[in-house]
Amino acid sequence: MLLMLASVASMNAQKFVLVDMEYILKNVPAYERANEQLNQLSKKWQAEVEALNSEAQTLYKNYQSEAVFLSNEEKPRREEAIVAKEKEASELKRKYFGTEGELFKKRESLMAPIQDEIYNAIKDICDQKGYSLVLDRASDSGIIYASPKIDISNEVLQKLGYAN
């Protein structure tokens, strides 16, 4: 019984706070710039992939319309050219958008410093004020209700130099 009371007392002594990472990120200009840069790269790379796919479709349409006139030697060459162009488009797509692709690497290089800065600001605030746990209000963490009094998002933004 005494052990149970001690654990309840220690739980009450712990401080819990919330942050809203979506809100914080929306108020960090570097994050918005990084997102815009990623969107521009994504559009550029998507256009390159679509151009190759379009070339493959054109080759295929030409092949279909000319197939009856092609020699037995020419047909396989044309088919191989179509397959090669489709493969080239697929490889380019994987290179840019795959799980270890260029977009992933670029996102990591742009976002990691911002996330580290936010993490360090949160950690500093927690160290200064004795908070034991920080939950992200914006994630699907199952928070049904949280008092706005324990949300330190504005304090984090101030610590980062983006006063609200």
Protein backbone atom coordinates (compact mmCIF):
# COMPACT_ATOMS: atom_id res chain seq x y z
CA MET A 1 0.00 0.00 0.00
CA LEU A 2 2.80 2.40 0.90
CA LEU A 3 4.60 1.55 -2.36
CA MET A 4 1.43 2.30 -4.33
CA LEU A 5 1.06 5.69 -2.63
CA ALA A 6 4.69 6.50 -3.35
CA SER A 7 4.28 5.70 -7.05
CA VAL A 8 1.08 7.82 -7.26
CA ALA A 9 2.87 10.68 -5.53
CA SER A 10 5.81 10.45 -7.94
CA MET A 11 3.41 10.40 -10.92
CA ASN A 12 1.79 13.57 -9.63
CA ALA A 13 5.20 15.22 -9.37
CA GLN A 14 5.93 14.66 -13.05
CA LYS A 15 5.02 17.46 -15.42
CA PHE A 16 3.48 16.80 -18.82
CA VAL A 17 3.21 19.33 -21.63
CA LEU A 18 2.08 19.45 -25.22
CA VAL A 19 3.46 20.93 -28.38
CA ASP A 20 1.73 21.27 -31.72
CA MET A 21 4.43 20.41 -34.25
CA GLU A 22 2.25 21.42 -37.21
CA TYR A 23 1.76 24.85 -35.66
CA ILE A 24 5.44 25.20 -34.83
CA LEU A 25 6.56 24.16 -38.31
CA LYS A 26 4.08 26.54 -39.97
CA ASN A 27 5.69 29.37 -38.01
CA VAL A 28 9.29 28.48 -38.89
CA PRO A 29 10.14 30.25 -42.18
CA ALA A 30 13.00 27.85 -42.95
CA TYR A 31 10.53 24.96 -42.94
CA GLU A 32 8.25 26.73 -45.42
CA ARG A 33 11.22 27.52 -47.67
CA ALA A 34 12.43 23.93 -47.50
CA ASN A 35 8.96 22.65 -48.38
CA GLU A 36 8.76 25.01 -51.35
CA GLN A 37 12.18 23.87 -52.54
CA LEU A 38 11.11 20.22 -52.24
CA ASN A 39 7.89 20.92 -54.16
CA GLN A 40 9.83 22.60 -56.98
CA LEU A 41 12.29 19.70 -57.21
CA SER A 42 9.46 17.19 -57.13
CA LYS A 43 7.64 18.95 -59.98
CA LYS A 44 10.83 19.17 -62.05
CA TRP A 45 11.67 15.50 -61.55
CA GLN A 46 8.08 14.41 -62.14
CA ALA A 47 8.14 16.28 -65.47
CA GLU A 48 11.30 14.39 -66.47
CA VAL A 49 9.69 11.05 -65.64
CA GLU A 50 6.50 11.99 -67.49
CA ALA A 51 8.52 13.02 -70.55
CA LEU A 52 10.13 9.58 -70.69
CA ASN A 53 6.75 7.89 -70.21
CA SER A 54 5.37 10.02 -73.02
CA GLU A 55 8.25 8.99 -75.28
CA ALA A 56 7.53 5.34 -74.47
CA GLN A 57 3.84 5.84 -75.29
CA THR A 58 4.72 7.50 -78.60
CA LEU A 59 7.05 4.64 -79.51
CA TYR A 60 4.30 2.16 -78.65
CA LYS A 61 1.63 4.01 -80.68
CA ASN A 62 3.97 4.25 -83.66
CA TYR A 63 4.77 0.57 -83.33
CA GLN A 64 1.08 -0.34 -83.25
CA SER A 65 0.26 1.70 -86.33
CA GLU A 66 3.30 0.44 -88.27
CA ALA A 67 3.39 -3.17 -87.02
CA VAL A 68 1.82 -4.67 -90.14
CA PHE A 69 4.48 -3.04 -92.31
CA LEU A 70 7.48 -4.00 -90.17
CA SER A 71 9.79 -6.85 -91.04
CA ASN A 72 10.30 -9.77 -88.66
CA GLU A 73 13.73 -8.35 -87.77
CA GLU A 74 12.42 -4.83 -87.11
CA LYS A 75 9.54 -5.83 -84.81
CA PRO A 76 11.72 -7.14 -81.94
CA ARG A 77 14.03 -4.13 -82.20
CA ARG A 78 11.10 -1.73 -81.88
CA GLU A 79 9.63 -3.75 -79.01
CA GLU A 80 12.97 -3.68 -77.21
CA ALA A 81 13.19 0.10 -77.73
CA ILE A 82 9.74 0.51 -76.14
CA VAL A 83 10.64 -1.72 -73.19
CA ALA A 84 13.97 0.07 -72.76
CA LYS A 85 12.26 3.48 -72.68
CA GLU A 86 9.68 2.24 -70.14
CA LYS A 87 12.49 0.78 -68.03
CA GLU A 88 14.41 4.06 -68.25
CA ALA A 89 11.34 5.97 -67.01
CA SER A 90 10.81 3.47 -64.20
CA GLU A 91 14.46 3.67 -63.10
CA LEU A 92 14.39 7.47 -63.18
CA LYS A 93 11.23 7.47 -61.06
CA ARG A 94 12.86 5.13 -58.55
CA LYS A 95 16.03 7.26 -58.56
CA TYR A 96 14.08 10.42 -57.75
CA PHE A 97 11.11 9.18 -55.73
CA GLY A 98 12.12 5.78 -54.32
CA THR A 99 12.52 5.11 -50.61
CA GLU A 100 16.22 5.99 -50.84
CA GLY A 101 15.77 8.35 -53.78
CA GLU A 102 16.96 11.89 -54.36
CA LEU A 103 13.77 13.48 -52.98
CA PHE A 104 14.08 11.48 -49.75
CA LYS A 105 17.75 12.48 -49.40
CA LYS A 106 17.00 16.12 -50.13
CA ARG A 107 14.12 16.14 -47.61
CA GLU A 108 16.45 14.66 -45.00
CA SER A 109 19.17 17.22 -45.66
CA LEU A 110 16.74 20.16 -45.55
CA MET A 111 14.49 19.03 -42.69
CA ALA A 112 16.91 17.39 -40.26
CA PRO A 113 18.56 20.66 -39.16
CA ILE A 114 15.14 22.28 -38.60
CA GLN A 115 13.87 19.28 -36.64
CA ASP A 116 17.08 19.18 -34.59
CA GLU A 117 16.73 22.88 -33.76
CA ILE A 118 13.12 22.38 -32.63
CA TYR A 119 14.04 19.29 -30.61
CA ASN A 120 16.86 21.17 -28.88
CA ALA A 121 14.57 24.11 -28.07
CA ILE A 122 11.98 21.73 -26.58
CA LYS A 123 14.68 19.89 -24.63
CA ASP A 124 16.06 23.19 -23.25
CA ILE A 125 12.60 24.30 -22.12
CA CYS A 126 11.98 20.91 -20.50
CA ASP A 127 15.33 21.01 -18.73
CA GLN A 128 14.69 24.55 -17.45
CA LYS A 129 11.14 23.92 -16.29
CA GLY A 130 11.40 20.29 -15.21
CA TYR A 131 8.96 18.78 -17.72
CA SER A 132 9.09 14.99 -17.84
CA LEU A 133 7.07 14.29 -20.96
CA VAL A 134 6.21 16.20 -24.13
CA LEU A 135 3.44 14.99 -26.39
CA ASP A 136 2.74 16.20 -29.91
CA ARG A 137 -0.83 17.41 -30.11
CA ALA A 138 -0.75 17.27 -33.93
CA SER A 139 0.09 13.57 -34.17
CA ASP A 140 -2.33 10.70 -33.89
CA SER A 141 -1.36 10.07 -30.31
CA GLY A 142 -4.85 9.46 -29.01
CA ILE A 143 -5.10 12.67 -26.99
CA ILE A 144 -8.79 13.24 -26.46
CA TYR A 145 -8.51 16.43 -24.46
CA ALA A 146 -5.61 18.57 -23.40
CA SER A 147 -5.73 21.86 -21.60
CA PRO A 148 -4.25 24.71 -23.63
CA LYS A 149 -2.44 25.71 -20.42
CA ILE A 150 0.06 22.87 -20.92
CA ASP A 151 0.74 23.65 -24.61
CA ILE A 152 4.24 25.14 -24.87
CA SER A 153 4.25 25.59 -28.67
CA ASN A 154 4.50 29.39 -28.47
CA GLU A 155 7.29 29.09 -25.93
CA VAL A 156 9.18 26.81 -28.34
CA LEU A 157 8.70 29.33 -31.15
CA GLN A 158 10.00 32.12 -28.89
CA LYS A 159 13.03 29.98 -27.99
CA LEU A 160 13.67 29.52 -31.72
CA GLY A 161 13.45 33.28 -32.24
CA TYR A 162 10.05 33.32 -33.95
CA ALA A 163 7.98 35.27 -31.43
CA ASN A 164 4.27 35.06 -31.99
